[in-house]
Protein backbone atom coordinates (compact mmCIF):
# COMPACT_ATOMS: atom_id res chain seq x y z
CA MET A 1 -0.54 -10.00 -25.10
CA HIS A 2 1.18 -9.67 -28.46
CA GLY A 3 3.44 -12.65 -29.13
CA ASP A 4 6.67 -10.68 -29.55
CA LEU A 5 6.06 -8.60 -26.42
CA ALA A 6 5.17 -11.70 -24.41
CA HIS A 7 8.37 -13.44 -25.54
CA ARG A 8 10.47 -10.39 -24.67
CA ALA A 9 8.76 -10.10 -21.29
CA VAL A 10 9.62 -13.72 -20.44
CA GLU A 11 13.25 -13.17 -21.43
CA LEU A 12 13.45 -9.96 -19.39
CA ALA A 13 11.85 -11.59 -16.34
CA ASP A 14 14.43 -14.38 -16.55
CA ALA A 15 17.27 -11.85 -16.79
CA LEU A 16 15.92 -9.80 -13.87
CA LEU A 17 15.57 -12.90 -11.70
CA ARG A 18 19.10 -14.09 -12.49
CA GLU A 19 20.54 -10.65 -11.74
CA ALA A 20 18.57 -10.36 -8.49
CA ARG A 21 19.79 -13.76 -7.32
CA ALA A 22 23.37 -12.89 -8.23
CA GLN A 23 23.19 -9.73 -6.10
CA GLN A 24 21.39 -11.39 -3.17
CA THR A 25 23.41 -11.42 0.05
CA PRO A 26 23.40 -14.47 2.37
CA ASP A 27 21.23 -12.56 4.85
CA GLU A 28 18.73 -11.65 2.11
CA HIS A 29 18.67 -15.26 0.92
CA ALA A 30 17.95 -16.51 4.44
CA GLN A 31 15.26 -13.87 4.89
CA ALA A 32 13.62 -14.82 1.58
CA ARG A 33 13.53 -18.49 2.57
CA LYS A 34 12.01 -17.60 5.93
CA LEU A 35 9.40 -15.39 4.27
CA ALA A 36 8.48 -18.26 1.94
CA ARG A 37 8.04 -20.55 4.95
CA MET A 38 5.85 -17.93 6.64
CA MET A 39 3.59 -17.64 3.58
CA ALA A 40 3.11 -21.42 3.71
CA ASP A 41 2.20 -21.29 7.43
CA PRO A 42 -1.24 -19.59 7.65
CA HIS A 43 -1.45 -19.59 11.46
CA GLY A 44 2.13 -18.40 11.80
CA LYS A 45 1.48 -15.60 9.33
CA GLU A 46 -1.64 -14.48 11.21
CA LEU A 47 0.19 -14.52 14.55
CA THR A 48 3.12 -12.53 13.15
CA ILE A 49 0.85 -9.85 11.68
CA ALA A 50 -1.23 -9.59 14.86
CA LEU A 51 1.85 -9.53 17.08
CA ALA A 52 3.57 -6.88 14.95
CA ASP A 53 0.50 -4.67 15.15
CA GLN A 54 -0.06 -5.10 18.88
CA ALA A 55 3.56 -5.14 19.98
CA PHE A 56 4.30 -1.90 18.15
CA ARG A 57 1.06 -0.27 19.25
CA SER A 58 1.59 -0.41 23.03
CA ARG A 59 4.53 0.84 25.09
CA ARG A 60 3.50 -1.10 28.22
CA PRO A 61 5.32 -4.45 28.67
CA GLU A 62 2.42 -5.78 30.75
CA ARG A 63 -0.04 -5.10 27.93
CA ILE A 64 2.23 -6.69 25.33
CA ALA A 65 2.75 -9.72 27.59
CA ASP A 66 -0.99 -10.19 27.90
CA GLN A 67 -1.44 -10.02 24.12
CA LEU A 68 1.49 -12.35 23.49
CA ALA A 69 -0.03 -15.02 25.73
CA HIS A 70 -3.44 -14.58 24.10
CA LEU A 71 -2.06 -14.82 20.56
CA LEU A 72 0.08 -17.88 21.32
CA GLU A 73 -2.96 -19.59 22.82
CA ARG A 74 -5.03 -18.71 19.76
CA TYR A 75 -2.55 -19.47 16.96
CA GLY A 76 0.15 -21.62 18.53
CA VAL A 77 3.89 -21.22 17.95
CA PRO A 78 4.66 -20.44 14.28
CA GLN A 79 6.14 -23.44 12.48
CA TYR A 80 8.03 -21.30 9.96
CA MET A 81 10.42 -19.99 12.64
CA ASP A 82 13.79 -21.56 13.37
CA TRP A 83 13.73 -24.04 16.25
CA TRP A 84 15.50 -21.71 18.67
CA GLU A 85 13.04 -18.90 17.86
CA ARG A 86 10.11 -21.22 18.58
CA VAL A 87 11.63 -22.21 21.92
CA ALA A 88 12.39 -18.58 22.82
CA LEU A 89 8.86 -17.46 21.91
CA LEU A 90 7.29 -20.29 23.88
CA LEU A 91 9.41 -19.55 26.95
CA GLY A 92 8.82 -15.84 26.53
CA GLY A 93 5.07 -16.37 26.42
CA ALA A 94 5.22 -18.46 29.59
CA MET A 95 7.46 -16.04 31.51
CA ALA A 96 6.11 -12.72 30.21
CA HIS A 97 3.34 -12.48 32.81
CA TYR A 98 5.82 -12.84 35.66
CA LEU A 99 8.69 -10.70 34.35
CA PRO A 100 7.21 -8.50 31.60
CA SER A 101 9.83 -5.74 31.84
CA LEU A 102 12.60 -8.32 31.42
CA VAL A 103 11.06 -10.69 28.88
CA VAL A 104 9.01 -8.44 26.58
CA PRO A 105 11.68 -5.98 25.29
CA PRO A 106 13.85 -8.70 23.64
CA ILE A 107 10.77 -10.14 21.91
CA VAL A 108 9.73 -6.70 20.62
CA ASN A 109 13.29 -5.94 19.49
CA ARG A 110 13.46 -9.24 17.61
CA LEU A 111 10.15 -8.54 15.94
CA ARG A 112 11.32 -5.06 14.94
CA HIS A 113 14.46 -6.60 13.46
CA GLU A 114 12.44 -9.14 11.45
CA THR A 115 10.13 -6.46 10.01
CA GLN A 116 12.60 -3.59 9.59
CA ASN A 117 12.59 -3.89 5.79
CA VAL A 118 8.83 -3.27 5.51
CA ILE A 119 7.78 -1.43 8.70
CA LEU A 120 9.61 1.81 9.40
CA PRO A 121 10.33 3.02 12.95
CA GLY A 122 7.92 5.71 14.08
CA GLU A 123 10.33 7.35 16.53
CA GLU A 124 11.50 10.71 15.18
CA GLU A 125 15.26 10.15 15.25
CA ASP A 126 15.10 6.64 13.76
CA LEU A 127 12.61 7.65 11.08
CA ARG A 128 14.59 10.73 10.04
CA ARG A 129 17.79 8.68 9.80
CA TYR A 130 16.07 6.00 7.70
CA LEU A 131 14.56 8.54 5.30
CA ALA A 132 17.92 10.30 4.92
CA GLU A 133 19.68 7.01 4.14
CA ARG A 134 17.14 6.05 1.49
CA ARG A 135 17.21 9.49 -0.08
CA SER A 136 21.02 9.42 -0.30
CA ALA A 137 20.73 6.03 -2.02
CA GLY A 138 18.49 7.58 -4.68
CA LEU A 139 15.31 5.85 -3.52
CA ARG A 140 11.85 7.42 -3.29
CA LEU A 141 9.50 6.30 -0.52
CA ASN A 142 5.72 6.10 -0.23
CA LEU A 143 4.72 6.22 3.46
CA ASN A 144 1.56 4.58 4.75
CA GLN A 145 0.27 4.80 8.33
CA LEU A 146 -0.31 1.40 9.93
CA GLY A 147 -3.46 0.90 11.97
CA GLU A 148 -6.77 -0.88 12.26
CA ALA A 149 -10.05 0.45 10.84
CA ILE A 150 -11.14 3.60 12.65
CA LEU A 151 -14.24 3.48 14.84
CA GLY A 152 -15.21 7.13 15.27
CA GLU A 153 -14.64 10.71 14.20
CA GLY A 154 -12.20 11.35 17.05
CA GLU A 155 -9.94 8.61 15.74
CA ALA A 156 -10.43 9.86 12.17
CA ALA A 157 -9.30 13.33 13.26
CA ARG A 158 -6.19 11.87 14.87
CA ARG A 159 -5.38 9.90 11.72
CA LEU A 160 -5.89 13.03 9.60
CA ASP A 161 -3.52 14.94 11.90
CA ALA A 162 -0.94 12.16 11.49
CA TYR A 163 -1.12 12.48 7.70
CA LEU A 164 -0.81 16.26 7.93
CA ALA A 165 2.23 15.87 10.17
CA LEU A 166 3.88 13.64 7.58
CA LEU A 167 3.15 16.14 4.81
CA ALA A 168 4.72 18.92 6.90
CA ARG A 169 8.04 17.04 7.16
CA ASP A 170 10.75 18.23 4.80
CA ASP A 171 11.98 14.64 4.27
CA VAL A 172 8.62 13.15 3.19
CA GLU A 173 7.61 13.34 -0.46
CA TYR A 174 4.78 10.85 -0.92
CA ILE A 175 2.08 9.38 1.34
CA SER A 176 -0.79 6.92 0.84
CA VAL A 177 -4.21 7.54 2.38
CA LYS A 178 -7.37 5.45 2.63
CA VAL A 179 -10.67 7.33 2.55
CA SER A 180 -11.95 5.09 5.34
CA SER A 181 -9.06 6.20 7.58
CA VAL A 182 -9.98 9.90 7.56
CA PHE A 183 -13.79 9.64 7.70
CA SER A 184 -15.57 7.09 9.89
CA GLN A 185 -19.24 7.68 9.03
CA ILE A 186 -19.30 6.20 5.52
CA ASP A 187 -22.91 5.61 4.45
CA LEU A 188 -23.30 4.49 0.86
CA VAL A 189 -27.07 4.93 1.01
CA ALA A 190 -26.45 8.64 1.62
CA PHE A 191 -23.86 8.61 -1.18
CA ARG A 192 -23.80 12.30 -2.09
CA ALA A 193 -23.68 13.41 1.54
CA THR A 194 -20.81 11.00 2.21
CA VAL A 195 -18.89 12.18 -0.86
CA ALA A 196 -19.26 15.77 0.37
CA ARG A 197 -17.85 14.90 3.81
CA VAL A 198 -14.97 12.90 2.37
CA ALA A 199 -14.24 15.74 -0.07
CA GLU A 200 -13.78 18.11 2.90
CA ARG A 201 -11.04 15.88 4.30
CA LEU A 202 -9.37 15.53 0.89
CA ARG A 203 -9.29 19.31 0.43
CA THR A 204 -7.47 19.61 3.76
CA LEU A 205 -4.90 17.05 2.66
CA TYR A 206 -4.45 18.42 -0.85
CA ARG A 207 -3.99 21.97 0.46
CA ALA A 208 -1.28 20.70 2.79
CA ALA A 209 0.37 18.84 -0.11
CA ALA A 210 0.39 22.00 -2.22
CA ARG A 211 1.66 24.15 0.65
CA HIS A 212 4.49 21.90 1.85
CA ARG A 213 6.91 21.52 -1.04
CA TYR A 214 9.49 18.76 -1.40
CA ARG A 215 13.03 19.49 -2.56
CA HIS A 216 14.42 16.63 -4.64
CA ALA A 217 18.09 15.63 -4.69
CA ASP A 218 18.48 17.29 -8.11
CA GLY A 219 17.17 20.61 -6.76
CA ARG A 220 13.64 20.39 -8.17
CA VAL A 221 10.86 21.58 -5.86
CA THR A 222 7.41 19.99 -6.21
CA PRO A 223 4.21 19.72 -4.15
CA LYS A 224 3.95 16.67 -1.91
CA PHE A 225 2.16 13.70 -3.49
CA ILE A 226 -0.92 11.97 -2.04
CA ASN A 227 -2.05 8.58 -3.27
CA LEU A 228 -5.59 7.36 -2.47
CA ASP A 229 -5.41 3.68 -1.59
CA MET A 230 -8.27 1.31 -2.26
CA GLU A 231 -9.32 -1.36 0.21
CA GLU A 232 -12.91 -2.59 0.25
CA TYR A 233 -14.95 -2.95 -2.93
CA ARG A 234 -17.72 -0.85 -1.40
CA ASP A 235 -15.35 2.15 -1.27
CA LEU A 236 -14.52 2.10 -5.01
CA GLU A 237 -17.20 4.46 -6.34
CA LEU A 238 -17.00 6.70 -3.28
CA THR A 239 -13.23 7.11 -3.55
CA MET A 240 -13.38 7.77 -7.29
CA ALA A 241 -16.14 10.35 -6.92
CA ALA A 242 -14.43 12.29 -4.12
CA PHE A 243 -11.05 12.13 -5.90
CA SER A 244 -12.27 13.39 -9.27
CA GLU A 245 -14.69 16.01 -7.92
CA VAL A 246 -12.12 17.66 -5.65
CA LEU A 247 -9.35 17.63 -8.27
CA ASP A 248 -11.78 19.14 -10.78
CA GLU A 249 -12.08 22.27 -8.64
CA PRO A 250 -10.07 25.27 -9.97
CA GLU A 251 -8.00 25.43 -6.77
CA PHE A 252 -6.62 21.94 -7.35
CA LEU A 253 -6.19 21.87 -11.14
CA PRO A 254 -2.40 22.43 -10.86
CA LEU A 255 -2.05 19.59 -8.33
CA SER A 256 -1.03 16.07 -9.34
CA ALA A 257 -2.41 13.28 -7.16
CA GLY A 258 -2.87 9.53 -7.39
CA ILE A 259 -5.41 6.75 -6.94
CA VAL A 260 -5.17 2.95 -6.80
CA LEU A 261 -7.28 0.43 -8.72
CA GLN A 262 -7.35 -3.29 -7.91
CA ALA A 263 -7.26 -5.64 -10.89
CA TYR A 264 -9.02 -8.43 -8.99
CA LEU A 265 -12.24 -6.40 -9.26
CA PRO A 266 -14.06 -6.73 -12.61
CA ASP A 267 -15.24 -3.12 -12.14
CA SER A 268 -11.70 -1.76 -12.14
CA HIS A 269 -11.18 -1.63 -15.91
CA ARG A 270 -14.42 0.33 -16.31
CA ALA A 271 -13.25 2.60 -13.50
CA GLN A 272 -9.92 3.06 -15.29
CA ARG A 273 -11.65 4.11 -18.50
CA THR A 274 -13.87 6.56 -16.60
CA LEU A 275 -10.91 8.10 -14.79
CA THR A 276 -8.88 8.31 -17.99
CA GLU A 277 -11.62 10.11 -19.91
CA TRP A 278 -12.07 12.55 -17.01
CA ALA A 279 -8.31 13.12 -16.64
CA ARG A 280 -7.90 13.88 -20.35
CA VAL A 281 -10.62 16.53 -20.15
CA ARG A 282 -9.01 17.94 -16.98
CA ARG A 283 -5.64 18.01 -18.74
CA ALA A 284 -7.18 19.92 -21.67
CA ARG A 285 -8.40 22.51 -19.14
CA GLY A 286 -4.80 23.06 -18.04
CA GLY A 287 -4.86 20.57 -15.18
CA ALA A 288 -1.94 18.45 -14.02
CA PRO A 289 -1.73 14.73 -14.85
CA ILE A 290 -2.99 12.24 -12.29
CA LYS A 291 -1.33 8.96 -11.40
CA LEU A 292 -3.03 5.56 -11.48
CA ARG A 293 -1.39 2.72 -9.58
CA ILE A 294 -2.54 -0.72 -10.69
CA VAL A 295 -2.34 -3.51 -8.11
CA LYS A 296 -3.72 -7.05 -8.01
CA GLY A 297 -5.69 -6.52 -4.77
CA ALA A 298 -4.99 -7.54 -1.17
CA ASN A 299 -8.39 -7.73 0.54
CA LEU A 300 -9.65 -11.01 -0.91
CA ALA A 301 -10.25 -12.76 2.43
CA MET A 302 -12.42 -9.91 3.71
CA GLU A 303 -14.35 -9.69 0.44
CA ARG A 304 -15.11 -13.42 0.67
CA ILE A 305 -16.31 -13.06 4.26
CA GLU A 306 -18.48 -10.08 3.29
CA ALA A 307 -20.04 -12.09 0.46
CA ALA A 308 -20.62 -15.16 2.64
CA VAL A 309 -22.25 -13.15 5.44
CA HIS A 310 -24.69 -11.47 3.04
CA GLY A 311 -25.22 -14.45 0.75
CA TRP A 312 -24.14 -12.73 -2.44
CA PRO A 313 -21.37 -13.42 -5.00
CA GLN A 314 -17.94 -12.11 -4.07
CA ALA A 315 -16.91 -8.86 -5.72
CA PRO A 316 -13.44 -10.00 -6.93
CA TYR A 317 -12.86 -12.44 -9.76
CA GLY A 318 -13.05 -16.08 -8.75
CA THR A 319 -9.78 -17.25 -10.33
CA LYS A 320 -6.20 -16.03 -10.60
CA PRO A 321 -6.06 -16.26 -14.43
CA GLU A 322 -8.99 -13.82 -14.60
CA VAL A 323 -7.19 -11.40 -12.27
CA ASP A 324 -3.94 -11.66 -14.25
CA ALA A 325 -5.77 -11.12 -17.54
CA ASN A 326 -7.56 -8.04 -16.20
CA TYR A 327 -4.26 -6.67 -14.87
CA LYS A 328 -2.68 -6.93 -18.32
CA ARG A 329 -5.77 -5.46 -19.96
CA MET A 330 -5.54 -2.44 -17.64
CA LEU A 331 -1.81 -2.18 -18.26
CA GLU A 332 -2.30 -2.23 -22.03
CA TYR A 333 -5.00 0.44 -21.86
CA GLY A 334 -2.92 2.63 -19.57
CA CYS A 335 0.17 2.42 -21.79
CA ARG A 336 -1.55 3.90 -24.83
CA PRO A 337 0.23 7.23 -25.41
CA GLU A 338 -2.97 9.28 -25.55
CA HIS A 339 -3.92 7.88 -22.12
CA ALA A 340 -0.53 7.82 -20.39
CA GLU A 341 0.10 11.52 -20.99
CA ALA A 342 -2.88 12.41 -18.77
CA VAL A 343 -2.82 9.37 -16.48
CA HIS A 344 0.69 8.41 -15.41
CA LEU A 345 0.85 4.73 -14.60
CA GLY A 346 2.35 2.89 -11.64
CA VAL A 347 2.87 -0.83 -12.23
CA ALA A 348 2.70 -2.55 -8.84
CA SER A 349 2.94 -6.33 -8.67
CA HIS A 350 4.84 -9.10 -6.91
CA ASN A 351 4.75 -11.02 -10.20
CA LEU A 352 8.05 -10.48 -12.01
CA PHE A 353 6.45 -11.32 -15.36
CA ASP A 354 3.95 -8.47 -14.91
CA ILE A 355 6.80 -6.06 -14.13
CA ALA A 356 8.75 -7.27 -17.16
CA TYR A 357 5.71 -6.96 -19.42
CA GLY A 358 5.15 -3.42 -18.19
CA LEU A 359 8.76 -2.54 -18.99
CA VAL A 360 8.70 -3.91 -22.55
CA LEU A 361 5.22 -2.51 -23.23
CA ARG A 362 6.12 1.02 -22.15
CA GLU A 363 9.22 0.87 -24.36
CA ALA A 364 7.21 -0.38 -27.34
CA ARG A 365 4.66 2.42 -26.84
CA SER A 366 7.34 5.09 -26.12
CA VAL A 367 5.66 6.10 -22.86
CA GLU A 368 8.67 5.68 -20.52
CA PRO A 369 8.33 9.20 -18.99
CA TRP A 370 4.80 8.44 -17.82
CA VAL A 371 4.90 4.74 -16.84
């Protein structure tokens, strides 16, 4: 980082943090403290994630009761919870088998309350109300379908239908999709055949995005936006190939779409350069800009397991300073005006200093409309 920009980024991060704390409500402060405790409680975090997934997935109290007992036996009662929550969860786990219809609903409701800021309700009326409230507040939302890895083409078809249903809604502008969620038979040995099958699914989604337009609050009407998420390292080249090949087709030249790159992978900066060179050529042909969202990466545990099982080095960098340096390298490359015009940049990080650096860098490079 250039010295002046780094100094300005530190000052801006300090100002943002002070302002955020000044605006924080007592409830938000309590929630932040609880979240910090959860992050320091590995078993509690794993139980909460598993319980949220399984409690929201089933509508049968008996099934949820069975899973609650299993998860409590496996992980124990989370230490990050308040004492009365620990007691209630322990009693609920003991009583759920005997009175599931009485005990389970309060537990599920409490869990929904705890996660309401990050997990949206799937019920039609609640979801529509939430989206309307956020739109009236001037916020734009990116919706992502929760769910485990798919196991077959039937499940992939159902997930694809769920994405298409979201795109058809008049109150949804932007969705995120993983390639592995719409095609189950990924075979990297048969790379070209797999790219062709994935491309078929992407065409279906992109056609729906182009067909179902979104009306913004200011009256503008644009195609829906689809962002391709990245998860496993093995999917990087496949996702890039399917993304660029489909968007290179004449039918999709006018369509703007996005892709995510993870800075904890050493390959990501090379991938960024490749995508940028391709996008600039596509733009010169009259194509729309693409969007690149840069994240740190959230699949480290699985990548380590994958490496340990096969006896090879892990794909991500081994240290946080390396990840942070690569993130800033990608940010600097993406903020060059000749790149940002063709590849709009999304700066996604929990690190306030990264956000601040992105803000001062885009101002210094005069690329605010694209970053």
